[in-house]
Amino acid sequence: MSRKIRLGAFIPATGQHVAAWRHPESQPTKAVDFDFIKEQVQLAEKGLFDAYFLADGLAVNFGQAEKTGYSDKVAGFEPVTLFAALSTVTKHIGFIATASTTYEEPYLLARKFASLDHLSHGRAGWNVVTSASEAAAANFGYEQQIPHAERYERAQEYVDLIKKLWDSWEDDAFIHDKASGVFYNPEKVHNPNHQGKYYAVKGALNVPRTPQGYPVIVQAGQSGPGRDLAARYAEVIFTANQKLEDAQEFYRDVKSRLAKYGRSADELLILPGVSAFVGRTEEEARAKYQQLTDLIHPEAGLALLSGLSGGFDFSGYDLDGPFPELGEGQGMVSRPALIADIAKKNNFSIRQLYEWVAGARGHWQLIGTPEQIVDQLQQWFENEAADGFNILPPSTPAGLNDFVELIVPELQRRGLFRTEYEGTTLRENLGLARPENQYVLARQAEKNKAS
């Protein structure tokens, strides 16, 4: 079977654009309305998307948003709870929920995601984040956030431990033999007995091994430690790139790191984020872009830049003056560097920069007809820059509907995208193998060694 583009759908309640909630068709009062979100996810499933992805934070959006009141990205559902409900009204689309390795106990996270995989019949994914937010740190009793390098060291131990917990039960551990009275085979239950630098967990997970073995492991870091974490553990990586050559550098670098961990290139899918303004004519597409640009309140633009820069305060600067030096912090490393690079290369003022990043928030922004947009997606897909894309509709429901009705048919016409789902689990649809239980592999290795 020929290689196909994979599509994730990142659908904030009102859309990706900072002013999307002010769009005439937007329904900002429905940010926590299950029926409204259900309609968006079912639309993505109609478009044959692989997964619905939801970001998450553990604080009111860091930066200036909570001070200004002009940003809508401040409150919403906890992802796993929402996805458990959405799994009952969908059949095929996967659910990738964000959860932190810094502020959530491993046993609880392993239990929660294993339960979601069972409830969804094998459609769960975990987006691994280390939580780069001073506000989140304060909400968990820290005076300041844990340093960047330590967060990634913790994350390595954390993911190793999570996989041990997910492997606690072998696939055939439960016998359910009514005649003998034996419910399960205790020899096929494994305690992690983990005593590490940061975490200690003794006993087995009290949730059976899941339909997928593990929920699909997803990661989104672009820094050096982030790339290494992805190469070691991730099966999907979300990335933010603006130019083909930058996307190719990232793609080739991360894929080249896989061999170090005994993995092959096809075990990791790289999906750059894309926000597409699409119209039946180029003029229509540009009008859609300009409509949202005209709705950006300056305070919302500054709040956006503050968030993307790791909390930098732009309030004392001239909006039409040069973009300032950001300095270094312990928050996100890759995104502040990306937006600073955009400002420098384009000689943007603060206002020009927030207008540019307002639609995609640092991701790749496309404006044009279905043919023009698919030309660019195809170029990246066929030239070692992407295995697919994480789609960030500028607004909902209009932006997502435009993608499903205009871009998906063009992808299908060119043979780049599925016309029906291939399997029943998220792994099957992504073309990812089901992982073997590590304790079974260890036992087999011992037998082979003895023989």
Protein backbone atom coordinates (compact mmCIF):
# COMPACT_ATOMS: atom_id res chain seq x y z
CA MET A 1 0.00 0.00 0.00
CA SER A 2 1.36 3.42 -0.93
CA ARG A 3 2.28 5.84 1.82
CA LYS A 4 -0.61 8.10 2.88
CA ILE A 5 -0.79 11.42 4.69
CA ARG A 6 -1.86 11.18 8.33
CA LEU A 7 -4.08 13.91 9.73
CA GLY A 8 -4.61 15.05 13.28
CA ALA A 9 -7.26 17.63 14.17
CA PHE A 10 -6.39 20.15 16.86
CA ILE A 11 -9.71 21.87 17.51
CA PRO A 12 -9.90 24.46 20.29
CA ALA A 13 -13.52 25.27 21.04
CA THR A 14 -13.52 28.46 18.96
CA GLY A 15 -10.57 27.76 16.65
CA GLN A 16 -6.84 28.35 16.51
CA HIS A 17 -6.84 32.04 15.58
CA VAL A 18 -6.52 34.42 18.53
CA ALA A 19 -9.60 36.34 17.33
CA ALA A 20 -11.63 33.31 16.25
CA TRP A 21 -14.11 33.68 19.10
CA ARG A 22 -15.15 37.04 17.62
CA HIS A 23 -15.95 35.52 14.21
CA PRO A 24 -19.64 35.93 13.32
CA GLU A 25 -20.15 32.15 13.13
CA SER A 26 -18.23 31.41 16.33
CA GLN A 27 -20.07 30.17 19.41
CA PRO A 28 -17.79 31.09 22.33
CA THR A 29 -20.47 30.28 24.91
CA LYS A 30 -20.13 26.61 23.96
CA ALA A 31 -16.50 26.09 25.00
CA VAL A 32 -17.67 23.50 27.54
CA ASP A 33 -20.79 22.40 25.69
CA PHE A 34 -20.45 18.68 25.00
CA ASP A 35 -22.97 18.63 22.16
CA PHE A 36 -21.12 21.39 20.29
CA ILE A 37 -17.74 19.68 20.67
CA LYS A 38 -19.32 16.36 19.67
CA GLU A 39 -20.40 17.93 16.38
CA GLN A 40 -16.85 19.13 15.67
CA VAL A 41 -15.34 15.71 16.38
CA GLN A 42 -17.95 13.94 14.28
CA LEU A 43 -17.15 16.37 11.45
CA ALA A 44 -13.45 15.47 11.77
CA GLU A 45 -14.42 11.78 11.68
CA LYS A 46 -16.46 12.46 8.54
CA GLY A 47 -13.23 13.88 7.10
CA LEU A 48 -11.44 10.61 8.05
CA PHE A 49 -8.97 12.28 10.39
CA ASP A 50 -6.76 9.90 12.34
CA ALA A 51 -7.17 11.63 15.67
CA TYR A 52 -8.58 14.55 17.57
CA PHE A 53 -5.85 16.20 19.61
CA LEU A 54 -6.43 18.41 22.63
CA ALA A 55 -3.75 20.50 24.30
CA ASP A 56 -3.99 21.12 28.02
CA GLY A 57 -2.49 23.29 30.72
CA LEU A 58 -2.60 23.25 34.48
CA ALA A 59 -3.21 26.96 34.97
CA VAL A 60 -5.04 29.87 33.45
CA ASN A 61 -3.06 30.60 30.27
CA PHE A 62 0.37 31.94 31.24
CA GLY A 63 1.44 35.36 30.02
CA GLN A 64 -0.88 38.35 30.13
CA ALA A 65 -4.18 36.70 29.15
CA GLU A 66 -5.47 36.41 32.69
CA LYS A 67 -4.70 40.09 33.30
CA THR A 68 -6.27 41.51 30.16
CA GLY A 69 -9.40 39.41 29.76
CA TYR A 70 -9.11 39.55 25.97
CA SER A 71 -8.03 35.97 25.31
CA ASP A 72 -10.44 33.03 25.10
CA LYS A 73 -7.82 30.30 25.63
CA VAL A 74 -8.14 30.30 29.41
CA ALA A 75 -10.62 27.57 30.39
CA GLY A 76 -12.03 24.33 29.01
CA PHE A 77 -12.45 20.61 29.57
CA GLU A 78 -9.87 18.27 31.04
CA PRO A 79 -9.00 16.14 27.96
CA VAL A 80 -9.28 12.56 29.21
CA THR A 81 -12.68 13.15 30.77
CA LEU A 82 -13.93 14.77 27.57
CA PHE A 83 -12.50 12.01 25.38
CA ALA A 84 -14.10 9.27 27.46
CA ALA A 85 -17.45 10.86 26.65
CA LEU A 86 -16.62 11.49 22.98
CA SER A 87 -15.55 7.88 22.51
CA THR A 88 -19.18 6.84 23.00
CA VAL A 89 -20.43 8.97 20.08
CA THR A 90 -17.70 8.11 17.54
CA LYS A 91 -16.43 4.88 15.97
CA HIS A 92 -13.08 5.47 14.30
CA ILE A 93 -11.31 8.71 15.19
CA GLY A 94 -8.59 8.52 17.83
CA PHE A 95 -8.21 10.73 20.89
CA ILE A 96 -4.82 12.19 21.85
CA ALA A 97 -4.94 13.82 25.27
CA THR A 98 -2.22 15.99 26.75
CA ALA A 99 -0.96 15.17 30.26
CA SER A 100 2.07 16.32 32.23
CA THR A 101 5.03 14.25 33.42
CA THR A 102 5.89 16.98 35.92
CA TYR A 103 2.71 17.40 37.96
CA GLU A 104 0.79 14.12 37.69
CA GLU A 105 1.66 10.94 39.59
CA PRO A 106 2.68 8.12 37.18
CA TYR A 107 0.31 5.52 38.61
CA LEU A 108 -2.69 7.81 38.23
CA LEU A 109 -1.79 8.81 34.67
CA ALA A 110 -1.18 5.20 33.61
CA ARG A 111 -4.53 4.18 35.06
CA LYS A 112 -6.42 7.05 33.44
CA PHE A 113 -5.05 6.49 29.93
CA ALA A 114 -5.41 2.71 30.12
CA SER A 115 -9.06 3.21 31.04
CA LEU A 116 -9.54 5.58 28.09
CA ASP A 117 -8.04 3.03 25.72
CA HIS A 118 -10.48 0.39 26.96
CA LEU A 119 -13.48 2.75 26.82
CA SER A 120 -12.64 3.80 23.26
CA HIS A 121 -11.82 0.23 22.12
CA GLY A 122 -8.22 1.15 21.32
CA ARG A 123 -8.35 4.77 20.19
CA ALA A 124 -6.36 6.54 22.93
CA GLY A 125 -3.11 8.48 22.69
CA TRP A 126 -1.01 10.34 25.26
CA ASN A 127 0.67 13.63 24.35
CA VAL A 128 3.67 13.75 26.70
CA VAL A 129 4.46 17.26 27.98
CA THR A 130 6.76 18.55 30.72
CA SER A 131 4.67 21.70 31.44
CA ALA A 132 6.66 24.86 30.71
CA SER A 133 4.65 27.28 32.82
CA GLU A 134 5.43 29.30 35.94
CA ALA A 135 1.70 29.55 36.62
CA ALA A 136 1.34 25.76 36.61
CA ALA A 137 4.32 25.42 38.95
CA ALA A 138 2.70 27.83 41.38
CA ASN A 139 -0.53 25.83 41.30
CA PHE A 140 1.36 22.77 42.54
CA GLY A 141 3.23 24.50 45.35
CA TYR A 142 6.49 25.32 43.54
CA GLU A 143 8.04 28.77 43.91
CA GLN A 144 9.37 28.40 40.37
CA GLN A 145 9.14 25.76 37.68
CA ILE A 146 11.59 22.88 37.55
CA PRO A 147 14.57 23.66 35.26
CA HIS A 148 14.23 22.60 31.62
CA ALA A 149 16.95 19.92 31.71
CA GLU A 150 15.59 18.34 34.88
CA ARG A 151 12.04 18.26 33.48
CA TYR A 152 13.25 16.18 30.55
CA GLU A 153 15.30 13.90 32.79
CA ARG A 154 12.18 13.32 34.86
CA ALA A 155 10.16 12.70 31.71
CA GLN A 156 12.48 9.88 30.59
CA GLU A 157 12.09 8.04 33.88
CA TYR A 158 8.36 8.78 33.88
CA VAL A 159 7.64 7.30 30.45
CA ASP A 160 9.72 4.20 31.23
CA LEU A 161 7.67 3.70 34.38
CA ILE A 162 4.35 4.27 32.60
CA LYS A 163 5.21 1.56 30.07
CA LYS A 164 6.06 -0.84 32.90
CA LEU A 165 2.67 -0.13 34.45
CA TRP A 166 0.84 -0.62 31.16
CA ASP A 167 2.61 -3.98 30.84
CA SER A 168 1.64 -5.10 34.37
CA TRP A 169 -0.81 -7.64 32.96
CA GLU A 170 0.09 -9.93 30.08
CA ASP A 171 -2.50 -10.08 27.32
CA ASP A 172 -3.65 -13.57 28.33
CA ALA A 173 -3.38 -13.10 32.11
CA PHE A 174 -7.14 -13.29 32.62
CA ILE A 175 -8.40 -16.87 32.35
CA HIS A 176 -12.02 -16.44 33.53
CA ASP A 177 -12.37 -20.20 33.99
CA LYS A 178 -15.70 -20.70 35.74
CA ALA A 179 -15.24 -24.45 36.04
CA SER A 180 -11.92 -24.27 37.91
CA GLY A 181 -12.64 -21.01 39.66
CA VAL A 182 -9.42 -19.44 38.38
CA PHE A 183 -9.97 -15.83 37.37
CA TYR A 184 -6.41 -14.93 36.35
CA ASN A 185 -2.93 -16.38 36.22
CA PRO A 186 -0.80 -14.66 38.90
CA GLU A 187 2.38 -15.64 37.04
CA LYS A 188 1.32 -13.26 34.28
CA VAL A 189 1.01 -10.21 36.52
CA HIS A 190 4.12 -8.09 37.03
CA ASN A 191 4.97 -5.53 39.69
CA PRO A 192 7.21 -2.74 38.37
CA ASN A 193 9.10 -2.48 41.69
CA HIS A 194 10.42 0.81 40.35
CA GLN A 195 12.76 2.81 42.57
CA GLY A 196 14.23 5.62 40.49
CA LYS A 197 15.76 9.04 40.98
CA TYR A 198 12.39 10.81 40.89
CA TYR A 199 9.67 8.15 41.18
CA ALA A 200 8.91 5.03 43.18
CA VAL A 201 6.08 2.61 42.34
CA LYS A 202 5.90 -0.92 43.68
CA GLY A 203 2.72 -2.62 42.53
CA ALA A 204 0.99 -3.58 39.30
CA LEU A 205 -1.56 -1.36 37.60
CA ASN A 206 -5.13 -2.30 38.48
CA VAL A 207 -6.32 -1.93 34.88
CA PRO A 208 -5.81 -4.80 32.36
CA ARG A 209 -3.47 -4.39 29.39
CA THR A 210 -5.23 -2.30 26.80
CA PRO A 211 -6.46 -3.05 23.26
CA GLN A 212 -3.46 -1.22 21.79
CA GLY A 213 -0.94 -2.57 24.30
CA TYR A 214 -0.07 1.03 25.03
CA PRO A 215 -2.01 4.13 24.05
CA VAL A 216 -0.11 5.80 21.20
CA ILE A 217 2.70 7.92 22.66
CA VAL A 218 2.89 11.44 21.24
CA GLN A 219 5.37 14.24 21.92
CA ALA A 220 5.74 17.83 20.81
CA GLY A 221 9.15 19.12 21.93
CA GLN A 222 11.55 20.66 19.42
CA SER A 223 14.53 21.46 21.65
CA GLY A 224 17.51 19.09 21.76
CA PRO A 225 16.19 17.21 24.82
CA GLY A 226 12.71 17.22 23.26
CA ARG A 227 13.99 15.65 20.06
CA ASP A 228 15.84 13.00 22.00
CA LEU A 229 12.79 12.20 24.11
CA ALA A 230 10.77 11.81 20.91
CA ALA A 231 13.38 9.55 19.32
CA ARG A 232 13.44 7.34 22.41
CA TYR A 233 9.70 7.03 23.08
CA ALA A 234 7.35 8.86 20.72
CA GLU A 235 5.32 7.26 17.95
CA VAL A 236 3.94 10.58 16.73
CA ILE A 237 5.56 13.98 17.10
CA PHE A 238 3.80 17.30 16.60
CA THR A 239 6.12 20.04 15.41
CA ALA A 240 6.02 23.72 14.41
CA ASN A 241 7.92 24.72 11.28
CA GLN A 242 7.38 27.59 8.85
CA LYS A 243 9.71 26.66 6.00
CA LEU A 244 10.41 23.49 4.03
CA GLU A 245 14.13 23.48 4.78
CA ASP A 246 13.53 23.84 8.53
CA ALA A 247 10.96 21.05 8.47
CA GLN A 248 13.38 18.83 6.54
CA GLU A 249 16.16 19.49 9.04
CA PHE A 250 13.87 18.55 11.92
CA TYR A 251 12.49 15.48 10.14
CA ARG A 252 15.90 14.11 9.18
CA ASP A 253 17.48 14.88 12.54
CA VAL A 254 14.78 13.20 14.61
CA LYS A 255 14.52 10.19 12.29
CA SER A 256 18.32 9.79 12.41
CA ARG A 257 18.22 9.57 16.22
CA LEU A 258 15.90 6.54 16.23
CA ALA A 259 18.61 3.97 15.48
CA LYS A 260 20.35 4.89 18.75
CA TYR A 261 17.33 3.45 20.55
CA GLY A 262 16.92 0.39 18.34
CA ARG A 263 14.05 1.88 16.36
CA SER A 264 13.38 2.23 12.64
CA ALA A 265 12.31 5.41 10.84
CA ASP A 266 8.75 4.17 10.22
CA GLU A 267 8.13 3.78 13.97
CA LEU A 268 7.77 7.56 14.36
CA LEU A 269 5.39 9.80 12.42
CA ILE A 270 6.20 13.52 12.20
CA LEU A 271 3.20 15.84 11.85
CA PRO A 272 3.86 19.59 11.51
CA GLY A 273 1.02 21.88 12.53
CA VAL A 274 -0.90 23.61 9.72
CA SER A 275 -3.52 26.34 9.89
CA ALA A 276 -5.21 26.72 6.50
CA PHE A 277 -7.38 29.56 5.26
CA VAL A 278 -9.00 27.96 2.22
CA GLY A 279 -11.39 29.39 -0.33
CA ARG A 280 -12.75 28.42 -3.71
CA THR A 281 -10.68 31.32 -5.03
CA GLU A 282 -7.48 32.84 -3.65
CA GLU A 283 -9.35 36.12 -3.09
CA GLU A 284 -11.95 34.33 -0.96
CA ALA A 285 -9.22 32.68 1.12
CA ARG A 286 -7.42 36.00 1.70
CA ALA A 287 -10.69 37.64 2.67
CA LYS A 288 -11.20 34.97 5.36
CA TYR A 289 -7.70 35.64 6.68
CA GLN A 290 -8.18 39.41 6.70
CA GLN A 291 -11.55 39.12 8.41
CA LEU A 292 -9.95 37.49 11.45
CA THR A 293 -6.88 39.73 11.37
CA ASP A 294 -9.12 42.79 11.61
CA LEU A 295 -10.73 41.33 14.74
CA ILE A 296 -7.48 41.03 16.76
CA HIS A 297 -7.56 43.20 19.86
CA PRO A 298 -4.04 44.51 20.64
CA GLU A 299 -4.20 43.19 24.20
CA ALA A 300 -5.07 39.73 22.87
CA GLY A 301 -2.16 39.95 20.44
CA LEU A 302 0.24 40.84 23.26
CA ALA A 303 -1.13 38.04 25.43
CA LEU A 304 -0.52 35.62 22.56
CA LEU A 305 3.09 36.74 22.12
CA SER A 306 3.64 36.56 25.86
CA GLY A 307 2.42 32.97 25.93
CA LEU A 308 4.51 31.92 22.94
CA SER A 309 7.61 33.58 24.38
CA GLY A 310 7.40 31.80 27.72
CA GLY A 311 5.84 34.68 29.65
CA PHE A 312 7.74 37.73 28.32
CA ASP A 313 5.93 40.98 29.22
CA PHE A 314 5.44 43.14 26.12
CA SER A 315 3.19 45.71 27.82
CA GLY A 316 5.85 48.42 28.08
CA TYR A 317 6.91 48.29 24.43
CA ASP A 318 5.75 50.28 21.41
CA LEU A 319 3.48 48.05 19.31
CA ASP A 320 4.94 49.50 16.13
CA GLY A 321 8.51 49.43 17.37
CA PRO A 322 11.11 46.69 16.83
CA PHE A 323 10.68 43.27 18.37
CA PRO A 324 12.73 43.05 21.62
CA GLU A 325 15.31 40.47 22.67
CA LEU A 326 13.56 37.75 24.67
CA GLY A 327 16.46 36.44 26.73
CA GLU A 328 16.48 32.93 28.20
CA GLY A 329 14.17 31.25 30.67
CA GLN A 330 13.24 27.81 31.98
CA GLY A 331 9.99 27.56 30.01
CA MET A 332 9.54 26.53 26.40
CA VAL A 333 12.80 26.71 24.48
CA SER A 334 11.85 26.04 20.85
CA ARG A 335 8.74 28.23 20.43
CA PRO A 336 10.28 31.51 21.73
CA ALA A 337 13.26 30.93 19.42
CA LEU A 338 10.88 30.30 16.50
CA ILE A 339 8.87 33.49 16.90
CA ALA A 340 12.01 35.57 17.51
CA ASP A 341 13.43 34.15 14.28
CA ILE A 342 10.23 35.04 12.38
CA ALA A 343 10.42 38.61 13.69
CA LYS A 344 14.09 38.96 12.79
CA LYS A 345 13.86 37.49 9.28
CA ASN A 346 10.84 39.62 8.37
CA ASN A 347 11.86 42.74 10.31
CA PHE A 348 8.47 42.62 12.05
CA SER A 349 7.29 45.08 14.67
CA ILE A 350 5.44 43.66 17.68
CA ARG A 351 2.09 44.37 16.01
CA GLN A 352 3.13 42.82 12.70
CA LEU A 353 4.38 39.73 14.49
CA TYR A 354 1.23 39.12 16.49
CA GLU A 355 -0.87 39.62 13.37
CA TRP A 356 1.28 37.04 11.58
CA VAL A 357 1.28 34.41 14.35
CA ALA A 358 -2.34 35.01 15.44
CA GLY A 359 -3.68 32.43 13.00
CA ALA A 360 -1.31 29.53 13.54
CA ARG A 361 0.46 30.52 16.80
CA GLY A 362 3.88 29.67 15.42
CA HIS A 363 2.76 26.83 13.15
CA TRP A 364 2.68 26.81 9.34
CA GLN A 365 0.00 29.09 7.93
CA LEU A 366 -1.42 28.56 4.43
CA ILE A 367 -3.79 30.80 2.48
CA GLY A 368 -5.24 29.76 -0.88
CA THR A 369 -7.42 27.42 -2.92
CA PRO A 370 -7.60 23.68 -2.20
CA GLU A 371 -5.20 23.04 -5.10
CA GLN A 372 -2.68 25.63 -3.87
CA ILE A 373 -2.76 24.35 -0.31
CA VAL A 374 -2.51 20.67 -1.27
CA ASP A 375 0.42 21.50 -3.59
CA GLN A 376 2.35 22.68 -0.54
CA LEU A 377 1.26 19.82 1.71
CA GLN A 378 2.28 17.35 -0.98
CA GLN A 379 5.68 19.00 -1.38
CA TRP A 380 6.43 18.59 2.32
CA PHE A 381 5.05 15.05 2.42
CA GLU A 382 7.09 13.88 -0.57
CA ASN A 383 10.34 15.60 0.40
CA GLU A 384 11.19 14.33 3.89
CA ALA A 385 9.51 17.13 5.80
CA ALA A 386 6.32 15.44 7.07
CA ASP A 387 4.48 12.13 7.42
CA GLY A 388 1.23 14.03 7.78
CA PHE A 389 -0.09 17.16 9.42
CA ASN A 390 -1.79 18.31 12.59
CA ILE A 391 -4.56 20.56 11.30
CA LEU A 392 -5.42 23.66 13.32
CA PRO A 393 -8.60 25.21 11.87
CA PRO A 394 -8.47 29.01 12.18
CA SER A 395 -12.06 29.05 13.41
CA THR A 396 -14.85 26.62 14.27
CA PRO A 397 -17.08 25.44 12.87
CA ALA A 398 -16.26 27.26 9.61
CA GLY A 399 -12.52 26.49 9.40
CA LEU A 400 -12.87 22.77 10.09
CA ASN A 401 -15.77 22.46 7.68
CA ASP A 402 -13.73 24.20 4.95
CA PHE A 403 -10.90 21.69 5.41
CA VAL A 404 -13.21 18.66 5.33
CA GLU A 405 -15.27 19.87 2.37
CA LEU A 406 -12.53 21.45 0.23
CA ILE A 407 -9.07 20.10 1.10
CA VAL A 408 -9.78 16.46 1.99
CA PRO A 409 -11.38 15.72 -1.43
CA GLU A 410 -8.35 17.22 -3.19
CA LEU A 411 -5.99 15.08 -1.10
CA GLN A 412 -8.07 12.02 -1.98
CA ARG A 413 -8.19 12.93 -5.67
CA ARG A 414 -4.38 12.86 -5.73
CA GLY A 415 -4.23 9.53 -3.89
CA LEU A 416 -2.54 11.14 -0.87
CA PHE A 417 -5.22 10.38 1.72
CA ARG A 418 -7.51 7.51 2.66
CA THR A 419 -11.06 7.12 1.41
CA GLU A 420 -12.01 4.94 4.38
CA TYR A 421 -10.51 3.99 7.73
CA GLU A 422 -8.08 1.07 7.53
CA GLY A 423 -8.58 -0.35 11.01
CA THR A 424 -10.44 -0.08 14.29
CA THR A 425 -7.69 1.22 16.59
CA LEU A 426 -5.67 4.41 16.43
CA ARG A 427 -2.51 2.34 15.93
CA GLU A 428 -4.00 0.47 12.99
CA ASN A 429 -5.10 3.66 11.28
CA LEU A 430 -1.70 5.28 11.81
CA GLY A 431 0.11 2.17 10.58
CA LEU A 432 1.86 1.62 13.92
CA ALA A 433 2.59 -1.82 15.35
CA ARG A 434 1.09 -3.01 18.64
CA PRO A 435 3.95 -3.18 21.18
CA GLU A 436 4.89 -6.48 22.75
CA ASN A 437 4.71 -6.79 26.52
CA GLN A 438 8.21 -6.10 27.88
CA TYR A 439 7.94 -8.81 30.55
CA VAL A 440 7.00 -11.41 27.93
CA LEU A 441 9.95 -10.32 25.79
CA ALA A 442 12.29 -10.58 28.78
CA ARG A 443 11.05 -14.10 29.58
CA GLN A 444 11.52 -15.17 25.97
CA ALA A 445 15.02 -13.70 25.94
CA GLU A 446 15.90 -15.69 29.07
CA LYS A 447 14.59 -18.89 27.48
CA ASN A 448 16.58 -18.26 24.32
CA LYS A 449 19.68 -17.57 26.36
CA ALA A 450 19.24 -20.78 28.35
CA SER A 451 18.79 -22.86 25.21
